[in-house]
PDB file of N, CA and C in Angstrom:
ATOM      1  N   UNK A   1     120.227  92.400 202.360  1.00  0.00           N
ATOM      2  CA  UNK A   1     119.011  92.424 203.156  1.00  0.00           C
ATOM      3  C   UNK A   1     118.100  91.275 202.731  1.00  0.00           C
ATOM      4  N   UNK A   2     117.389  90.720 203.691  1.00  0.00           N
ATOM      5  CA  UNK A   2     116.477  89.623 203.359  1.00  0.00           C
ATOM      6  C   UNK A   2     115.117  90.126 202.877  1.00  0.00           C
ATOM      7  N   UNK A   3     114.895  91.420 202.956  1.00  0.00           N
ATOM      8  CA  UNK A   3     113.616  91.977 202.499  1.00  0.00           C
ATOM      9  C   UNK A   3     113.493  91.809 200.984  1.00  0.00           C
ATOM     10  N   UNK A   4     112.334  91.373 200.545  1.00  0.00           N
ATOM     11  CA  UNK A   4     112.061  91.136 199.128  1.00  0.00           C
ATOM     12  C   UNK A   4     112.115  92.451 198.346  1.00  0.00           C
ATOM     13  N   UNK A   5     112.572  92.361 197.117  1.00  0.00           N
ATOM     14  CA  UNK A   5     112.680  93.561 196.274  1.00  0.00           C
ATOM     15  C   UNK A   5     111.310  94.245 196.093  1.00  0.00           C
ATOM     16  N   UNK A   6     110.241  93.483 195.952  1.00  0.00           N
ATOM     17  CA  UNK A   6     108.899  94.083 195.805  1.00  0.00           C
ATOM     18  C   UNK A   6     108.571  94.981 196.992  1.00  0.00           C
ATOM     19  N   UNK A   7     108.914  94.512 198.187  1.00  0.00           N
ATOM     20  CA  UNK A   7     108.667  95.273 199.412  1.00  0.00           C
ATOM     21  C   UNK A   7     109.444  96.584 199.371  1.00  0.00           C
ATOM     22  N   UNK A   8     110.701  96.508 198.975  1.00  0.00           N
ATOM     23  CA  UNK A   8     111.543  97.707 198.898  1.00  0.00           C
ATOM     24  C   UNK A   8     111.002  98.696 197.861  1.00  0.00           C
ATOM     25  N   UNK A   9     110.548  98.184 196.727  1.00  0.00           N
ATOM     26  CA  UNK A   9     110.029  99.042 195.653  1.00  0.00           C
ATOM     27  C   UNK A   9     108.796  99.825 196.106  1.00  0.00           C
ATOM     28  N   UNK A  10     107.942  99.197 196.913  1.00  0.00           N
ATOM     29  CA  UNK A  10     106.756  99.898 197.416  1.00  0.00           C
ATOM     30  C   UNK A  10     107.184 101.115 198.224  1.00  0.00           C
ATOM     31  N   UNK A  11     108.202 100.961 199.048  1.00  0.00           N
ATOM     32  CA  UNK A  11     108.682 102.078 199.866  1.00  0.00           C
ATOM     33  C   UNK A  11     109.212 103.203 198.983  1.00  0.00           C
ATOM     34  N   UNK A  12     109.954 102.852 197.956  1.00  0.00           N
ATOM     35  CA  UNK A  12     110.525 103.855 197.058  1.00  0.00           C
ATOM     36  C   UNK A  12     109.418 104.653 196.364  1.00  0.00           C
ATOM     37  N   UNK A  13     108.316 103.993 196.056  1.00  0.00           N
ATOM     38  CA  UNK A  13     107.233 104.631 195.303  1.00  0.00           C
ATOM     39  C   UNK A  13     106.119 105.211 196.169  1.00  0.00           C
ATOM     40  N   UNK A  14     106.306 105.245 197.483  1.00  0.00           N
ATOM     41  CA  UNK A  14     105.250 105.725 198.383  1.00  0.00           C
ATOM     42  C   UNK A  14     105.511 107.136 198.876  1.00  0.00           C
ATOM     43  N   UNK A  15     104.428 107.797 199.213  1.00  0.00           N
ATOM     44  CA  UNK A  15     104.469 109.135 199.806  1.00  0.00           C
ATOM     45  C   UNK A  15     103.980 109.037 201.243  1.00  0.00           C
ATOM     46  N   UNK A  16     104.206 110.071 202.021  1.00  0.00           N
ATOM     47  CA  UNK A  16     103.796 110.083 203.430  1.00  0.00           C
ATOM     48  C   UNK A  16     102.303 109.808 203.578  1.00  0.00           C
ATOM     49  N   UNK A  17     101.505 110.352 202.680  1.00  0.00           N
ATOM     50  CA  UNK A  17     100.047 110.180 202.783  1.00  0.00           C
ATOM     51  C   UNK A  17      99.609 108.730 202.567  1.00  0.00           C
ATOM     52  N   UNK A  18     100.473 107.900 201.971  1.00  0.00           N
ATOM     53  CA  UNK A  18     100.141 106.495 201.761  1.00  0.00           C
ATOM     54  C   UNK A  18     100.198 105.680 203.051  1.00  0.00           C
ATOM     55  N   UNK A  19     100.908 106.183 204.049  1.00  0.00           N
ATOM     56  CA  UNK A  19     101.052 105.478 205.329  1.00  0.00           C
ATOM     57  C   UNK A  19      99.926 105.916 206.265  1.00  0.00           C
ATOM     58  N   UNK A  20      98.939 105.053 206.419  1.00  0.00           N
ATOM     59  CA  UNK A  20      97.757 105.351 207.230  1.00  0.00           C
ATOM     60  C   UNK A  20      97.807 104.587 208.551  1.00  0.00           C
ATOM     61  N   UNK A  21      97.202 105.150 209.576  1.00  0.00           N
ATOM     62  CA  UNK A  21      97.190 104.525 210.900  1.00  0.00           C
ATOM     63  C   UNK A  21      96.240 103.329 210.897  1.00  0.00           C
ATOM     64  N   UNK A  22      96.695 102.228 211.506  1.00  0.00           N
ATOM     65  CA  UNK A  22      95.860 101.031 211.603  1.00  0.00           C
ATOM     66  C   UNK A  22      94.643 101.294 212.484  1.00  0.00           C
ATOM     67  N   UNK A  23      93.589 100.543 212.219  1.00  0.00           N
ATOM     68  CA  UNK A  23      92.321 100.725 212.920  1.00  0.00           C
ATOM     69  C   UNK A  23      92.158  99.641 213.984  1.00  0.00           C
ATOM     70  N   UNK A  24      91.820 100.082 215.203  1.00  0.00           N
ATOM     71  CA  UNK A  24      91.518  99.148 216.290  1.00  0.00           C
ATOM     72  C   UNK A  24      90.014  99.209 216.514  1.00  0.00           C
ATOM     73  N   UNK A  25      89.343  98.059 216.404  1.00  0.00           N
ATOM     74  CA  UNK A  25      87.888  98.023 216.506  1.00  0.00           C
ATOM     75  C   UNK A  25      87.368  97.781 217.917  1.00  0.00           C
ATOM     76  N   UNK A  26      88.219  97.314 218.813  1.00  0.00           N
ATOM     77  CA  UNK A  26      87.753  96.938 220.149  1.00  0.00           C
ATOM     78  C   UNK A  26      88.837  97.250 221.172  1.00  0.00           C
ATOM     79  N   UNK A  27      88.468  97.987 222.198  1.00  0.00           N
ATOM     80  CA  UNK A  27      89.438  98.384 223.224  1.00  0.00           C
ATOM     81  C   UNK A  27      89.927  97.226 224.086  1.00  0.00           C
ATOM     82  N   UNK A  28      89.314  96.062 223.964  1.00  0.00           N
ATOM     83  CA  UNK A  28      89.797  94.900 224.718  1.00  0.00           C
ATOM     84  C   UNK A  28      91.132  94.397 224.182  1.00  0.00           C
ATOM     85  N   UNK A  29      91.461  94.802 222.975  1.00  0.00           N
ATOM     86  CA  UNK A  29      92.709  94.356 222.358  1.00  0.00           C
ATOM     87  C   UNK A  29      93.752  95.460 222.438  1.00  0.00           C
ATOM     88  N   UNK A  30      94.914  95.145 222.982  1.00  0.00           N
ATOM     89  CA  UNK A  30      95.962  96.164 223.110  1.00  0.00           C
ATOM     90  C   UNK A  30      96.727  96.358 221.796  1.00  0.00           C
ATOM     91  N   UNK A  31      96.004  96.746 220.773  1.00  0.00           N
ATOM     92  CA  UNK A  31      96.625  96.959 219.467  1.00  0.00           C
ATOM     93  C   UNK A  31      97.270  98.338 219.464  1.00  0.00           C
ATOM     94  N   UNK A  32      98.550  98.347 219.224  1.00  0.00           N
ATOM     95  CA  UNK A  32      99.275  99.607 219.155  1.00  0.00           C
ATOM     96  C   UNK A  32      99.109 100.149 217.741  1.00  0.00           C
ATOM     97  N   UNK A  33      98.625 101.374 217.611  1.00  0.00           N
ATOM     98  CA  UNK A  33      98.457 101.929 216.265  1.00  0.00           C
ATOM     99  C   UNK A  33      99.802 102.016 215.536  1.00  0.00           C
ATOM    100  N   UNK A  34      99.812 101.521 214.327  1.00  0.00           N
ATOM    101  CA  UNK A  34     100.999 101.622 213.480  1.00  0.00           C
ATOM    102  C   UNK A  34     100.568 102.191 212.141  1.00  0.00           C
ATOM    103  N   UNK A  35     101.499 102.767 211.449  1.00  0.00           N
ATOM    104  CA  UNK A  35     101.216 103.244 210.100  1.00  0.00           C
ATOM    105  C   UNK A  35     101.610 102.150 209.118  1.00  0.00           C
ATOM    106  N   UNK A  36     100.787 101.999 208.101  1.00  0.00           N
ATOM    107  CA  UNK A  36     101.065 101.022 207.053  1.00  0.00           C
ATOM    108  C   UNK A  36     100.575 101.588 205.728  1.00  0.00           C
ATOM    109  N   UNK A  37     101.269 101.221 204.683  1.00  0.00           N
ATOM    110  CA  UNK A  37     100.849 101.618 203.346  1.00  0.00           C
ATOM    111  C   UNK A  37      99.592 100.805 203.022  1.00  0.00           C
ATOM    112  N   UNK A  38      98.559 101.497 202.595  1.00  0.00           N
ATOM    113  CA  UNK A  38      97.257 100.872 202.373  1.00  0.00           C
ATOM    114  C   UNK A  38      97.303  99.866 201.224  1.00  0.00           C
ATOM    115  N   UNK A  39      96.745  98.686 201.488  1.00  0.00           N
ATOM    116  CA  UNK A  39      96.593  97.643 200.479  1.00  0.00           C
ATOM    117  C   UNK A  39      95.521  96.668 200.972  1.00  0.00           C
ATOM    118  N   UNK A  40      95.416  95.500 200.366  1.00  0.00           N
ATOM    119  CA  UNK A  40      94.406  94.521 200.778  1.00  0.00           C
ATOM    120  C   UNK A  40      94.574  94.092 202.232  1.00  0.00           C
ATOM    121  N   UNK A  41      95.803  94.031 202.720  1.00  0.00           N
ATOM    122  CA  UNK A  41      96.054  93.599 204.100  1.00  0.00           C
ATOM    123  C   UNK A  41      95.406  94.543 205.105  1.00  0.00           C
ATOM    124  N   UNK A  42      95.330  95.811 204.768  1.00  0.00           N
ATOM    125  CA  UNK A  42      94.715  96.790 205.664  1.00  0.00           C
ATOM    126  C   UNK A  42      93.240  96.457 205.867  1.00  0.00           C
ATOM    127  N   UNK A  43      92.545  96.179 204.772  1.00  0.00           N
ATOM    128  CA  UNK A  43      91.128  95.799 204.845  1.00  0.00           C
ATOM    129  C   UNK A  43      90.987  94.439 205.521  1.00  0.00           C
ATOM    130  N   UNK A  44      91.867  93.512 205.177  1.00  0.00           N
ATOM    131  CA  UNK A  44      91.812  92.178 205.773  1.00  0.00           C
ATOM    132  C   UNK A  44      91.985  92.235 207.286  1.00  0.00           C
ATOM    133  N   UNK A  45      92.810  93.160 207.769  1.00  0.00           N
ATOM    134  CA  UNK A  45      93.025  93.296 209.210  1.00  0.00           C
ATOM    135  C   UNK A  45      91.725  93.711 209.904  1.00  0.00           C
ATOM    136  N   UNK A  46      90.993  94.611 209.295  1.00  0.00           N
ATOM    137  CA  UNK A  46      89.703  95.034 209.863  1.00  0.00           C
ATOM    138  C   UNK A  46      88.727  93.855 209.866  1.00  0.00           C
ATOM    139  N   UNK A  47      88.668  93.124 208.749  1.00  0.00           N
ATOM    140  CA  UNK A  47      87.781  91.960 208.662  1.00  0.00           C
ATOM    141  C   UNK A  47      88.161  90.895 209.690  1.00  0.00           C
ATOM    142  N   UNK A  48      89.448  90.669 209.855  1.00  0.00           N
ATOM    143  CA  UNK A  48      89.930  89.675 210.823  1.00  0.00           C
ATOM    144  C   UNK A  48      89.558  90.077 212.245  1.00  0.00           C
ATOM    145  N   UNK A  49      89.706  91.348 212.558  1.00  0.00           N
ATOM    146  CA  UNK A  49      89.306  91.818 213.887  1.00  0.00           C
ATOM    147  C   UNK A  49      87.821  91.559 214.126  1.00  0.00           C
ATOM    148  N   UNK A  50      86.989  91.833 213.124  1.00  0.00           N
ATOM    149  CA  UNK A  50      85.542  91.609 213.260  1.00  0.00           C
ATOM    150  C   UNK A  50      85.244  90.140 213.569  1.00  0.00           C
ATOM    151  N   UNK A  51      85.910  89.236 212.845  1.00  0.00           N
ATOM    152  CA  UNK A  51      85.705  87.802 213.069  1.00  0.00           C
ATOM    153  C   UNK A  51      86.122  87.407 214.484  1.00  0.00           C
ATOM    154  N   UNK A  52      87.264  87.908 214.915  1.00  0.00           N
ATOM    155  CA  UNK A  52      87.786  87.564 216.238  1.00  0.00           C
ATOM    156  C   UNK A  52      86.898  88.145 217.335  1.00  0.00           C
ATOM    157  N   UNK A  53      86.438  89.357 217.152  1.00  0.00           N
ATOM    158  CA  UNK A  53      85.526  89.982 218.127  1.00  0.00           C
ATOM    159  C   UNK A  53      84.249  89.153 218.242  1.00  0.00           C
ATOM    160  N   UNK A  54      83.741  88.690 217.108  1.00  0.00           N
ATOM    161  CA  UNK A  54      82.530  87.867 217.115  1.00  0.00           C
ATOM    162  C   UNK A  54      82.764  86.570 217.893  1.00  0.00           C
ATOM    163  N   UNK A  55      83.898  85.910 217.658  1.00  0.00           N
ATOM    164  CA  UNK A  55      84.219  84.680 218.389  1.00  0.00           C
ATOM    165  C   UNK A  55      84.335  84.942 219.885  1.00  0.00           C
ATOM    166  N   UNK A  56      84.963  86.047 220.228  1.00  0.00           N
ATOM    167  CA  UNK A  56      85.129  86.405 221.637  1.00  0.00           C
ATOM    168  C   UNK A  56      83.779  86.702 222.280  1.00  0.00           C
ATOM    169  N   UNK A  57      82.957  87.465 221.603  1.00  0.00           N
ATOM    170  CA  UNK A  57      81.637  87.815 222.137  1.00  0.00           C
ATOM    171  C   UNK A  57      80.739  86.594 222.324  1.00  0.00           C
ATOM    172  N   UNK A  58      80.950  85.573 221.504  1.00  0.00           N
ATOM    173  CA  UNK A  58      80.159  84.336 221.612  1.00  0.00           C
ATOM    174  C   UNK A  58      80.819  83.325 222.552  1.00  0.00           C
ATOM    175  N   UNK A  59      81.882  83.772 223.242  1.00  0.00           N
ATOM    176  CA  UNK A  59      82.625  82.923 224.188  1.00  0.00           C
ATOM    177  C   UNK A  59      83.203  81.666 223.545  1.00  0.00           C
ATOM    178  N   UNK A  60      83.537  81.757 222.264  1.00  0.00           N
ATOM    179  CA  UNK A  60      84.149  80.625 221.571  1.00  0.00           C
ATOM    180  C   UNK A  60      85.662  80.619 221.740  1.00  0.00           C
ATOM    181  N   UNK A  61      86.214  81.774 222.089  1.00  0.00           N
ATOM    182  CA  UNK A  61      87.640  81.882 222.393  1.00  0.00           C
ATOM    183  C   UNK A  61      87.803  82.836 223.575  1.00  0.00           C
ATOM    184  N   UNK A  62      88.943  82.697 224.248  1.00  0.00           N
ATOM    185  CA  UNK A  62      89.236  83.587 225.379  1.00  0.00           C
ATOM    186  C   UNK A  62      89.841  84.889 224.862  1.00  0.00           C
ATOM    187  N   UNK A  63      89.925  85.866 225.738  1.00  0.00           N
ATOM    188  CA  UNK A  63      90.540  87.140 225.365  1.00  0.00           C
ATOM    189  C   UNK A  63      91.991  86.924 224.957  1.00  0.00           C
ATOM    190  N   UNK A  64      92.697  86.073 225.705  1.00  0.00           N
ATOM    191  CA  UNK A  64      94.103  85.798 225.376  1.00  0.00           C
ATOM    192  C   UNK A  64      94.221  85.158 223.992  1.00  0.00           C
ATOM    193  N   UNK A  65      93.339  84.193 223.704  1.00  0.00           N
ATOM    194  CA  UNK A  65      93.352  83.559 222.382  1.00  0.00           C
ATOM    195  C   UNK A  65      93.056  84.579 221.285  1.00  0.00           C
ATOM    196  N   UNK A  66      92.123  85.462 221.556  1.00  0.00           N
ATOM    197  CA  UNK A  66      91.769  86.500 220.583  1.00  0.00           C
ATOM    198  C   UNK A  66      92.963  87.405 220.302  1.00  0.00           C
ATOM    199  N   UNK A  67      93.646  87.815 221.367  1.00  0.00           N
ATOM    200  CA  UNK A  67      94.823  88.677 221.200  1.00  0.00           C
ATOM    201  C   UNK A  67      95.902  87.968 220.392  1.00  0.00           C
ATOM    202  N   UNK A  68      96.113  86.678 220.676  1.00  0.00           N
ATOM    203  CA  UNK A  68      97.115  85.912 219.929  1.00  0.00           C
ATOM    204  C   UNK A  68      96.747  85.788 218.457  1.00  0.00           C
ATOM    205  N   UNK A  69      95.466  85.605 218.179  1.00  0.00           N
ATOM    206  CA  UNK A  69      95.028  85.509 216.782  1.00  0.00           C
ATOM    207  C   UNK A  69      95.332  86.808 216.023  1.00  0.00           C
ATOM    208  N   UNK A  70      95.097  87.915 216.674  1.00  0.00           N
ATOM    209  CA  UNK A  70      95.381  89.203 216.038  1.00  0.00           C
ATOM    210  C   UNK A  70      96.884  89.358 215.810  1.00  0.00           C
ATOM    211  N   UNK A  71      97.683  89.029 216.825  1.00  0.00           N
ATOM    212  CA  UNK A  71      99.141  89.124 216.687  1.00  0.00           C
ATOM    213  C   UNK A  71      99.651  88.201 215.591  1.00  0.00           C
ATOM    214  N   UNK A  72      99.112  86.984 215.514  1.00  0.00           N
ATOM    215  CA  UNK A  72      99.542  86.038 214.483  1.00  0.00           C
ATOM    216  C   UNK A  72      99.163  86.532 213.094  1.00  0.00           C
ATOM    217  N   UNK A  73      97.997  87.160 212.989  1.00  0.00           N
ATOM    218  CA  UNK A  73      97.586  87.707 211.696  1.00  0.00           C
ATOM    219  C   UNK A  73      98.620  88.716 211.209  1.00  0.00           C
ATOM    220  N   UNK A  74      98.977  89.676 212.077  1.00  0.00           N
ATOM    221  CA  UNK A  74      99.915  90.715 211.661  1.00  0.00           C
ATOM    222  C   UNK A  74     101.304  90.158 211.406  1.00  0.00           C
ATOM    223  N   UNK A  75     101.757  89.237 212.247  1.00  0.00           N
ATOM    224  CA  UNK A  75     103.090  88.658 212.046  1.00  0.00           C
ATOM    225  C   UNK A  75     103.153  87.918 210.712  1.00  0.00           C
ATOM    226  N   UNK A  76     102.132  87.139 210.416  1.00  0.00           N
ATOM    227  CA  UNK A  76     102.096  86.413 209.146  1.00  0.00           C
ATOM    228  C   UNK A  76     101.974  87.346 207.964  1.00  0.00           C
ATOM    229  N   UNK A  77     101.179  88.377 208.131  1.00  0.00           N
ATOM    230  CA  UNK A  77     100.983  89.349 207.064  1.00  0.00           C
ATOM    231  C   UNK A  77     102.269  90.120 206.771  1.00  0.00           C
ATOM    232  N   UNK A  78     103.003  90.443 207.825  1.00  0.00           N
ATOM    233  CA  UNK A  78     104.273  91.152 207.653  1.00  0.00           C
ATOM    234  C   UNK A  78     105.278  90.267 206.918  1.00  0.00           C
ATOM    235  N   UNK A  79     105.353  88.989 207.295  1.00  0.00           N
ATOM    236  CA  UNK A  79     106.251  88.046 206.618  1.00  0.00           C
ATOM    237  C   UNK A  79     105.883  87.936 205.140  1.00  0.00           C
ATOM    238  N   UNK A  80     104.577  87.878 204.863  1.00  0.00           N
ATOM    239  CA  UNK A  80     104.137  87.764 203.468  1.00  0.00           C
ATOM    240  C   UNK A  80     104.689  88.899 202.614  1.00  0.00           C
ATOM    241  N   UNK A  81     104.702  90.096 203.139  1.00  0.00           N
ATOM    242  CA  UNK A  81     105.193  91.252 202.378  1.00  0.00           C
ATOM    243  C   UNK A  81     106.710  91.307 202.359  1.00  0.00           C
ATOM    244  N   UNK A  82     107.315  91.284 203.537  1.00  0.00           N
ATOM    245  CA  UNK A  82     108.762  91.517 203.640  1.00  0.00           C
ATOM    246  C   UNK A  82     109.572  90.378 203.042  1.00  0.00           C
ATOM    247  N   UNK A  83     109.245  89.153 203.388  1.00  0.00           N
ATOM    248  CA  UNK A  83     110.046  88.002 202.952  1.00  0.00           C
ATOM    249  C   UNK A  83     109.570  87.443 201.615  1.00  0.00           C
ATOM    250  N   UNK A  84     108.248  87.278 201.490  1.00  0.00           N
ATOM    251  CA  UNK A  84     107.705  86.639 200.291  1.00  0.00           C
ATOM    252  C   UNK A  84     107.437  87.608 199.143  1.00  0.00           C
ATOM    253  N   UNK A  85     107.399  88.910 199.432  1.00  0.00           N
ATOM    254  CA  UNK A  85     107.197  89.905 198.381  1.00  0.00           C
ATOM    255  C   UNK A  85     105.753  90.130 197.975  1.00  0.00           C
ATOM    256  N   UNK A  86     104.792  89.626 198.767  1.00  0.00           N
ATOM    257  CA  UNK A  86     103.373  89.825 198.452  1.00  0.00           C
ATOM    258  C   UNK A  86     102.943  91.200 198.954  1.00  0.00           C
ATOM    259  N   UNK A  87     103.120  92.204 198.112  1.00  0.00           N
ATOM    260  CA  UNK A  87     102.834  93.585 198.511  1.00  0.00           C
ATOM    261  C   UNK A  87     101.358  93.956 198.343  1.00  0.00           C
ATOM    262  N   UNK A  88     100.564  93.059 197.774  1.00  0.00           N
ATOM    263  CA  UNK A  88      99.124  93.300 197.655  1.00  0.00           C
ATOM    264  C   UNK A  88      98.391  92.849 198.916  1.00  0.00           C
ATOM    265  N   UNK A  89      98.840  91.725 199.495  1.00  0.00           N
ATOM    266  CA  UNK A  89      98.129  91.127 200.621  1.00  0.00           C
ATOM    267  C   UNK A  89      98.934  91.081 201.910  1.00  0.00           C
ATOM    268  N   UNK A  90     100.180  91.487 201.865  1.00  0.00           N
ATOM    269  CA  UNK A  90     101.021  91.487 203.056  1.00  0.00           C
ATOM    270  C   UNK A  90     101.051  92.852 203.706  1.00  0.00           C
ATOM    271  N   UNK A  91     101.427  92.878 204.977  1.00  0.00           N
ATOM    272  CA  UNK A  91     101.476  94.131 205.731  1.00  0.00           C
ATOM    273  C   UNK A  91     102.678  94.971 205.314  1.00  0.00           C
ATOM    274  N   UNK A  92     102.414  96.231 204.997  1.00  0.00           N
ATOM    275  CA  UNK A  92     103.453  97.164 204.562  1.00  0.00           C
ATOM    276  C   UNK A  92     103.625  98.257 205.614  1.00  0.00           C
ATOM    277  N   UNK A  93     104.063  97.856 206.807  1.00  0.00           N
ATOM    278  CA  UNK A  93     104.230  98.825 207.890  1.00  0.00           C
ATOM    279  C   UNK A  93     105.289  99.844 207.516  1.00  0.00           C
ATOM    280  N   UNK A  94     104.904 101.115 207.573  1.00  0.00           N
ATOM    281  CA  UNK A  94     105.805 102.201 207.200  1.00  0.00           C
ATOM    282  C   UNK A  94     105.319 103.493 207.836  1.00  0.00           C
ATOM    283  N   UNK A  95     106.221 104.253 208.363  1.00  0.00           N
ATOM    284  CA  UNK A  95     105.862 105.539 208.945  1.00  0.00           C
ATOM    285  C   UNK A  95     105.774 106.623 207.886  1.00  0.00           C
ATOM    286  N   UNK A  96     105.469 107.833 208.336  1.00  0.00           N
ATOM    287  CA  UNK A  96     105.351 108.960 207.413  1.00  0.00           C
ATOM    288  C   UNK A  96     106.666 109.251 206.701  1.00  0.00           C
ATOM    289  N   UNK A  97     107.766 108.840 207.293  1.00  0.00           N
ATOM    290  CA  UNK A  97     109.075 109.080 206.682  1.00  0.00           C
ATOM    291  C   UNK A  97     109.312 108.216 205.457  1.00  0.00           C
ATOM    292  N   UNK A  98     108.351 107.370 205.111  1.00  0.00           N
ATOM    293  CA  UNK A  98     108.503 106.512 203.947  1.00  0.00           C
ATOM    294  C   UNK A  98     108.799 107.338 202.699  1.00  0.00           C
ATOM    295  N   UNK A  99     108.323 108.556 202.657  1.00  0.00           N
ATOM    296  CA  UNK A  99     108.549 109.405 201.478  1.00  0.00           C
ATOM    297  C   UNK A  99     110.016 109.805 201.325  1.00  0.00           C
ATOM    298  N   UNK A 100     110.803 109.607 202.369  1.00  0.00           N
ATOM    299  CA  UNK A 100     112.228 109.947 202.300  1.00  0.00           C
ATOM    300  C   UNK A 100     113.049 108.844 201.628  1.00  0.00           C
ATOM    301  N   UNK A 101     112.451 107.674 201.449  1.00  0.00           N
ATOM    302  CA  UNK A 101     113.154 106.550 200.827  1.00  0.00           C
ATOM    303  C   UNK A 101     113.073 106.732 199.317  1.00  0.00           C
ATOM    304  N   UNK A 102     114.220 106.940 198.696  1.00  0.00           N
ATOM    305  CA  UNK A 102     114.246 107.211 197.253  1.00  0.00           C
ATOM    306  C   UNK A 102     114.988 106.154 196.447  1.00  0.00           C
ATOM    307  N   UNK A 103     115.774 105.319 197.135  1.00  0.00           N
ATOM    308  CA  UNK A 103     116.522 104.276 196.435  1.00  0.00           C
ATOM    309  C   UNK A 103     116.852 103.157 197.408  1.00  0.00           C
ATOM    310  N   UNK A 104     117.163 101.994 196.840  1.00  0.00           N
ATOM    311  CA  UNK A 104     117.543 100.848 197.658  1.00  0.00           C
ATOM    312  C   UNK A 104     119.020 100.991 198.005  1.00  0.00           C
ATOM    313  N   UNK A 105     119.302 100.959 199.314  1.00  0.00           N
ATOM    314  CA  UNK A 105     120.671 101.095 199.794  1.00  0.00           C
ATOM    315  C   UNK A 105     120.924 100.113 200.929  1.00  0.00           C
ATOM    316  N   UNK A 106     122.176  99.765 201.103  1.00  0.00           N
ATOM    317  CA  UNK A 106     122.553  98.945 202.253  1.00  0.00           C
ATOM    318  C   UNK A 106     122.607  99.840 203.487  1.00  0.00           C
ATOM    319  N   UNK A 107     122.572  99.231 204.652  1.00  0.00           N
ATOM    320  CA  UNK A 107     122.687  99.991 205.900  1.00  0.00           C
ATOM    321  C   UNK A 107     124.016 100.740 205.917  1.00  0.00           C
ATOM    322  N   UNK A 108     125.063 100.097 205.429  1.00  0.00           N
ATOM    323  CA  UNK A 108     126.388 100.731 205.391  1.00  0.00           C
ATOM    324  C   UNK A 108     126.349 102.016 204.560  1.00  0.00           C
ATOM    325  N   UNK A 109     125.691 101.964 203.405  1.00  0.00           N
ATOM    326  CA  UNK A 109     125.593 103.152 202.548  1.00  0.00           C
ATOM    327  C   UNK A 109     124.810 104.272 203.229  1.00  0.00           C
ATOM    328  N   UNK A 110     123.722 103.902 203.877  1.00  0.00           N
ATOM    329  CA  UNK A 110     122.892 104.906 204.556  1.00  0.00           C
ATOM    330  C   UNK A 110     123.682 105.583 205.662  1.00  0.00           C
ATOM    331  N   UNK A 111     124.363 104.787 206.485  1.00  0.00           N
ATOM    332  CA  UNK A 111     125.141 105.376 207.579  1.00  0.00           C
ATOM    333  C   UNK A 111     126.302 106.213 207.059  1.00  0.00           C
ATOM    334  N   UNK A 112     126.928 105.786 205.980  1.00  0.00           N
ATOM    335  CA  UNK A 112     128.017 106.574 205.391  1.00  0.00           C
ATOM    336  C   UNK A 112     127.510 107.941 204.950  1.00  0.00           C
ATOM    337  N   UNK A 113     126.330 107.969 204.326  1.00  0.00           N
ATOM    338  CA  UNK A 113     125.732 109.246 203.915  1.00  0.00           C
ATOM    339  C   UNK A 113     125.423 110.124 205.121  1.00  0.00           C
ATOM    340  N   UNK A 114     124.848 109.525 206.159  1.00  0.00           N
ATOM    341  CA  UNK A 114     124.504 110.293 207.363  1.00  0.00           C
ATOM    342  C   UNK A 114     125.742 110.886 208.020  1.00  0.00           C
ATOM    343  N   UNK A 115     126.800 110.089 208.118  1.00  0.00           N
ATOM    344  CA  UNK A 115     128.043 110.577 208.727  1.00  0.00           C
ATOM    345  C   UNK A 115     128.638 111.694 207.878  1.00  0.00           C
ATOM    346  N   UNK A 116     128.634 111.527 206.563  1.00  0.00           N
ATOM    347  CA  UNK A 116     129.168 112.568 205.676  1.00  0.00           C
ATOM    348  C   UNK A 116     128.368 113.861 205.814  1.00  0.00           C
ATOM    349  N   UNK A 117     127.042 113.748 205.889  1.00  0.00           N
ATOM    350  CA  UNK A 117     126.201 114.935 206.064  1.00  0.00           C
ATOM    351  C   UNK A 117     126.465 115.604 207.407  1.00  0.00           C
ATOM    352  N   UNK A 118     126.623 114.793 208.444  1.00  0.00           N
ATOM    353  CA  UNK A 118     126.898 115.350 209.779  1.00  0.00           C
ATOM    354  C   UNK A 118     128.245 116.061 209.788  1.00  0.00           C
ATOM    355  N   UNK A 119     129.256 115.430 209.205  1.00  0.00           N
ATOM    356  CA  UNK A 119     130.582 116.057 209.147  1.00  0.00           C
ATOM    357  C   UNK A 119     130.549 117.361 208.366  1.00  0.00           C
ATOM    358  N   UNK A 120     129.825 117.376 207.271  1.00  0.00           N
ATOM    359  CA  UNK A 120     129.703 118.590 206.469  1.00  0.00           C
ATOM    360  C   UNK A 120     129.042 119.703 207.277  1.00  0.00           C
ATOM    361  N   UNK A 121     127.998 119.363 208.004  1.00  0.00           N
ATOM    362  CA  UNK A 121     127.296 120.359 208.814  1.00  0.00           C
ATOM    363  C   UNK A 121     128.187 120.877 209.944  1.00  0.00           C
ATOM    364  N   UNK A 122     128.963 119.986 210.544  1.00  0.00           N
ATOM    365  CA  UNK A 122     129.888 120.400 211.615  1.00  0.00           C
ATOM    366  C   UNK A 122     130.897 121.404 211.072  1.00  0.00           C
ATOM    367  N   UNK A 123     131.453 121.118 209.890  1.00  0.00           N
ATOM    368  CA  UNK A 123     132.420 122.037 209.284  1.00  0.00           C
ATOM    369  C   UNK A 123     131.766 123.380 208.952  1.00  0.00           C
ATOM    370  N   UNK A 124     130.538 123.341 208.468  1.00  0.00           N
ATOM    371  CA  UNK A 124     129.808 124.574 208.162  1.00  0.00           C
ATOM    372  C   UNK A 124     129.615 125.403 209.422  1.00  0.00           C
ATOM    373  N   UNK A 125     129.210 124.762 210.496  1.00  0.00           N
ATOM    374  CA  UNK A 125     128.968 125.469 211.759  1.00  0.00           C
ATOM    375  C   UNK A 125     130.271 125.998 212.350  1.00  0.00           C
ATOM    376  N   UNK A 126     131.358 125.236 212.219  1.00  0.00           N
ATOM    377  CA  UNK A 126     132.663 125.700 212.720  1.00  0.00           C
ATOM    378  C   UNK A 126     133.096 126.963 211.992  1.00  0.00           C
ATOM    379  N   UNK A 127     132.785 127.013 210.688  1.00  0.00           N
ATOM    380  CA  UNK A 127     133.149 128.175 209.896  1.00  0.00           C
ATOM    381  C   UNK A 127     132.406 129.433 210.301  1.00  0.00           C
ATOM    382  N   UNK A 128     131.291 129.287 210.968  1.00  0.00           N
ATOM    383  CA  UNK A 128     130.500 130.434 211.414  1.00  0.00           C
ATOM    384  C   UNK A 128     131.022 131.011 212.722  1.00  0.00           C
ATOM    385  N   UNK A 129     131.882 130.272 213.405  1.00  0.00           N
ATOM    386  CA  UNK A 129     132.387 130.739 214.709  1.00  0.00           C
ATOM    387  C   UNK A 129     133.479 131.758 214.574  1.00  0.00           C
TER     388      UNK A 129
END
C-alpha cells in the first residue's frame, strides 16, 4: 500500500468517537460531511473556510473559485496525511468503523479473513437445518 505507516498507525490507535463529522460553515459550498479523526487539519479546515467565505463575501473570488479552494485544501491535506505521513496536519478521513482496524493488513489478507468468516458462518447455518 502507498499509505504512509504513520497514517495506518493512527487508524489502529483510534476509536469510533475519534472520528468526528466535518463542519460546513456556509451553505453556498456543497461540502459533503465526512468523518475525520480530529487533529490540527480539522481546525485548519474551519479557518480556511472562514478565509474563503470572507474573500467570497468581498467579491474577491467567485463562488466557483471558492469551491475549488476548499476542494484543493482537502485534497492537499489528505495527501499530506496518507502519502507524506503528516498525521498532525493532514486530513485523517475515517468513519466510525475506524475502531475495527486493529492491525496493518494487505487487502488480500482482509478479504481472505472475510471469506473464511463467511464460509464458517455458512457451515454453522447449514448445521442448523
